[in-house]
């Protein structure tokens, strides 16, 4: 059964895909919300990279990082992008792994999948496949991929422990988890947690840094690293807070510098034991899109 969070995310990112088809620029927390550049999604890909891809793939970039630049992909590897959106990171991954490798994209939004498949066609990519499904239920067998990437999507899920267990399951022993995500430093104010609009953006669902580490460990991962790539100040967050109908000044002390974009790395041990059936449920949270993020 679809959760209320999934329904909000599906609707928001389906609408985002249709806007991109009409030439609008995407954003992790919505398109054109504040009329200016989205501080989370801006300047993630260099001009050379952007010029090599279909325009719609660049416009639909709804992420908070560039996981393909940091994941150290190798020729012949199989990659899975959780919440692949318009397909930009899948197409970049496909180039890095080459014709002997493969890049899968997984998304639950029909409009994003249609956009991604058209972008792959325009790019002439032969070693890609886009799958319909949820990141909590990956439609791939055990030990199917070498690397999992994701771009500001895991924070959108209302069941992050399950997402991380699924990531562990589909990785081969020795496989790598290498995602970009929005992460919180300290507890998230209750006003943010209650906002579905901000959940479907990139704030309310962010895991706290220590909780992220704990959940990865509970899923079976080792070597967890969280590398800060951006720190969002109050002015960066202002449009998101206002969009959620929140009092910016009242929340200023609780928000300024508390949210970061981060590159999260972990490894499935070469001789991996199965994780416990259930990991501890996190505090409410979840952000940027099956497709935000992507």
Foldseek 3Di string as FASTA:
>chain_A
DDDPLNVLLQVQLLVQLVVLVVPFAAELLHTCLPVDDQPQQPPQDDPVLCVLFPVSLRSLAQFRHQQLVPVPQAAQFEEEEQLCFLNSNQVSNLVRNDPNYAYEYEFQHPSRQVNNVVRCVVSVRDRYYYYHDHLLDDPDQFQAGQEYEYGAFLQSDQFNLSSLLSVLGNHAAFGKYKYKHKAFADDDDPLLLPFSSQSSHHPNSHYHPVVVVQSNVLSFWPPKDKAFDFFDALVSCVSVQVVSVHDSVVCRVVRGRGMTIIIIMTTQHNPTDGGDPTDDRGDGGGGGGSSSHD
